[in-house]
Amino acid sequence: MNKMILDELSRDDLTALILRAKKRLGLGWAEIAARIGMSPVWTHSAATGMNAFPEDKARAFAELLGLPDSAVDLLVESPLKHWDQAVPTDPCIYRLYEIVGVYGPTIKAMINEEFGNGIMSAIDFSMQVEREPNPKGDRVKVTMSGKYLEYANW
């Protein structure tokens, strides 16, 4: 791809290019992440523009997928982290919306890669909220477990 065309790419265009390269190479997010030294969740999130890669990881990612060198500039840009849903103003609920807004596409990709084309049920579902001690300050641990439901083909 010539430099002029790449310079005109939007972040969404780069995401599409990444997804095509991933498919063409037959790589899963876990394998890509392992090869560049990041977690699968973070790798997907950064690859789709919801987080920014550190420059060294962006270069390794671009090299692995055969992306042009100038793609690194977009991969390291600070993300906008926006989505079109209305969000409540309660700080705790807002942060949960933020998590889903930022990591929802990543969670979906991880579910689809692990299980196939389907969803996690919110009907046959359980969740735990726990305190997790941490030297940097206690953390909130939310564990969600929902039955996998394959999409019906009809």
Protein backbone atom coordinates (compact mmCIF):
# COMPACT_ATOMS: atom_id res chain seq x y z
CA MET A 1 0.00 0.00 0.00
CA ASN A 2 1.50 3.33 -0.95
CA LYS A 3 2.24 5.98 1.69
CA MET A 4 -0.28 8.49 0.36
CA ILE A 5 -3.15 5.99 0.66
CA LEU A 6 -2.05 4.86 4.14
CA ASP A 7 -1.75 8.47 5.31
CA GLU A 8 -5.42 8.90 4.35
CA LEU A 9 -6.57 5.82 6.33
CA SER A 10 -8.86 6.38 9.26
CA ARG A 11 -8.53 4.37 12.45
CA ASP A 12 -11.56 2.34 11.30
CA ASP A 13 -9.83 1.63 7.97
CA LEU A 14 -6.76 0.37 9.84
CA THR A 15 -8.93 -1.85 12.03
CA ALA A 16 -10.45 -3.41 8.90
CA LEU A 17 -6.95 -3.92 7.47
CA ILE A 18 -5.88 -5.62 10.74
CA LEU A 19 -8.87 -7.94 10.78
CA ARG A 20 -8.27 -8.96 7.15
CA ALA A 21 -4.57 -9.63 7.88
CA LYS A 22 -5.45 -11.69 10.98
CA LYS A 23 -7.88 -13.78 8.93
CA ARG A 24 -5.48 -14.14 6.00
CA LEU A 25 -2.71 -15.36 8.33
CA GLY A 26 -5.08 -17.68 10.23
CA LEU A 27 -4.02 -16.28 13.61
CA GLY A 28 -6.10 -16.07 16.79
CA TRP A 29 -5.88 -13.20 19.25
CA ALA A 30 -4.18 -15.41 21.85
CA GLU A 31 -1.43 -16.35 19.38
CA ILE A 32 -0.96 -12.78 18.19
CA ALA A 33 -0.80 -11.59 21.80
CA ALA A 34 1.72 -14.26 22.77
CA ARG A 35 3.95 -13.35 19.83
CA ILE A 36 4.05 -9.66 20.78
CA GLY A 37 4.07 -10.18 24.55
CA MET A 38 0.64 -8.82 25.50
CA SER A 39 -2.65 -10.29 26.73
CA PRO A 40 -5.29 -11.29 24.14
CA VAL A 41 -7.87 -8.90 25.62
CA TRP A 42 -5.50 -5.93 25.52
CA THR A 43 -4.23 -6.85 22.05
CA HIS A 44 -7.74 -6.97 20.57
CA SER A 45 -8.74 -3.77 22.32
CA ALA A 46 -5.68 -1.92 21.04
CA ALA A 47 -5.96 -3.46 17.57
CA THR A 48 -9.51 -2.15 17.26
CA GLY A 49 -8.61 1.34 18.45
CA MET A 50 -10.01 1.21 21.98
CA ASN A 51 -6.52 1.36 23.54
CA ALA A 52 -3.14 2.49 22.28
CA PHE A 53 -0.23 0.12 21.78
CA PRO A 54 3.13 1.02 23.30
CA GLU A 55 5.40 1.81 20.35
CA ASP A 56 7.50 -1.37 20.61
CA LYS A 57 4.36 -3.54 20.70
CA ALA A 58 2.82 -1.57 17.81
CA ARG A 59 5.94 -2.24 15.72
CA ALA A 60 5.93 -5.96 16.59
CA PHE A 61 2.19 -6.15 15.86
CA ALA A 62 2.54 -4.37 12.49
CA GLU A 63 5.46 -6.60 11.53
CA LEU A 64 3.63 -9.78 12.52
CA LEU A 65 0.55 -8.87 10.47
CA GLY A 66 2.51 -7.43 7.55
CA LEU A 67 1.13 -3.93 8.02
CA PRO A 68 2.93 -0.92 6.57
CA ASP A 69 5.41 0.78 8.93
CA SER A 70 3.31 3.95 8.94
CA ALA A 71 0.42 1.99 10.56
CA VAL A 72 2.41 2.25 13.80
CA ASP A 73 1.50 5.95 14.05
CA LEU A 74 -2.20 5.08 14.23
CA LEU A 75 -1.64 2.12 16.56
CA VAL A 76 0.07 4.30 19.18
CA GLU A 77 -2.43 7.19 19.03
CA SER A 78 -4.51 7.83 22.13
CA PRO A 79 -7.96 6.36 21.54
CA LEU A 80 -11.19 8.32 21.69
CA LYS A 81 -13.04 5.45 23.45
CA HIS A 82 -16.46 6.58 22.33
CA TRP A 83 -19.59 4.68 21.53
CA ASP A 84 -23.10 5.76 20.69
CA GLN A 85 -25.09 4.52 23.71
CA ALA A 86 -26.57 6.90 26.26
CA VAL A 87 -24.84 6.46 29.60
CA PRO A 88 -26.11 7.01 33.14
CA THR A 89 -24.41 9.68 35.26
CA ASP A 90 -23.94 7.51 38.39
CA PRO A 91 -20.14 7.09 38.57
CA CYS A 92 -20.16 3.35 39.31
CA ILE A 93 -22.73 2.49 36.64
CA TYR A 94 -21.02 4.82 34.17
CA ARG A 95 -17.72 2.93 34.65
CA LEU A 96 -19.47 -0.38 33.95
CA TYR A 97 -20.84 1.13 30.73
CA GLU A 98 -17.33 2.33 29.94
CA ILE A 99 -15.96 -1.19 30.42
CA VAL A 100 -18.54 -2.64 28.04
CA GLY A 101 -18.11 0.23 25.59
CA VAL A 102 -14.35 -0.16 25.50
CA TYR A 103 -14.01 -3.93 25.93
CA GLY A 104 -17.38 -5.18 24.59
CA PRO A 105 -16.08 -5.81 21.05
CA THR A 106 -13.06 -7.58 22.59
CA ILE A 107 -15.23 -9.78 24.82
CA LYS A 108 -17.39 -10.64 21.80
CA ALA A 109 -14.32 -11.54 19.74
CA MET A 110 -12.94 -13.72 22.56
CA ILE A 111 -16.30 -15.53 22.95
CA ASN A 112 -16.58 -16.10 19.20
CA GLU A 113 -13.01 -17.30 18.92
CA GLU A 114 -13.33 -19.72 21.86
CA PHE A 115 -16.90 -20.99 21.31
CA GLY A 116 -18.01 -20.07 17.80
CA ASN A 117 -20.68 -17.75 16.46
CA GLY A 118 -22.90 -17.05 19.46
CA ILE A 119 -23.43 -15.10 22.64
CA MET A 120 -23.18 -15.33 26.41
CA SER A 121 -26.63 -15.62 27.96
CA ALA A 122 -27.78 -12.99 30.42
CA ILE A 123 -30.73 -15.24 31.36
CA ASP A 124 -28.78 -18.36 32.35
CA PHE A 125 -26.20 -16.18 34.08
CA SER A 126 -24.41 -15.65 37.36
CA MET A 127 -22.12 -12.94 38.63
CA GLN A 128 -19.93 -12.42 41.65
CA VAL A 129 -18.48 -9.18 42.94
CA GLU A 130 -15.56 -9.64 45.29
CA ARG A 131 -12.87 -7.62 47.01
CA GLU A 132 -9.40 -8.57 45.82
CA PRO A 133 -6.60 -7.37 48.12
CA ASN A 134 -3.81 -5.61 46.26
CA PRO A 135 -0.77 -3.72 47.60
CA LYS A 136 -1.64 -0.79 45.29
CA GLY A 137 -5.18 -0.62 46.73
CA ASP A 138 -7.98 -3.15 46.91
CA ARG A 139 -9.57 -4.06 43.62
CA VAL A 140 -13.12 -4.89 42.59
CA LYS A 141 -13.31 -8.33 40.99
CA VAL A 142 -16.42 -8.97 38.89
CA THR A 143 -16.84 -12.52 37.63
CA MET A 144 -19.61 -13.13 35.09
CA SER A 145 -20.67 -16.58 33.95
CA GLY A 146 -23.31 -17.02 31.28
CA LYS A 147 -24.36 -20.02 29.25
CA TYR A 148 -23.01 -20.02 25.71
CA LEU A 149 -25.80 -19.83 23.14
CA GLU A 150 -24.99 -20.56 19.51
CA TYR A 151 -26.85 -18.48 16.96
CA ALA A 152 -29.54 -20.47 15.19
CA ASN A 153 -29.31 -20.76 11.42
CA TRP A 154 -32.70 -20.85 9.75
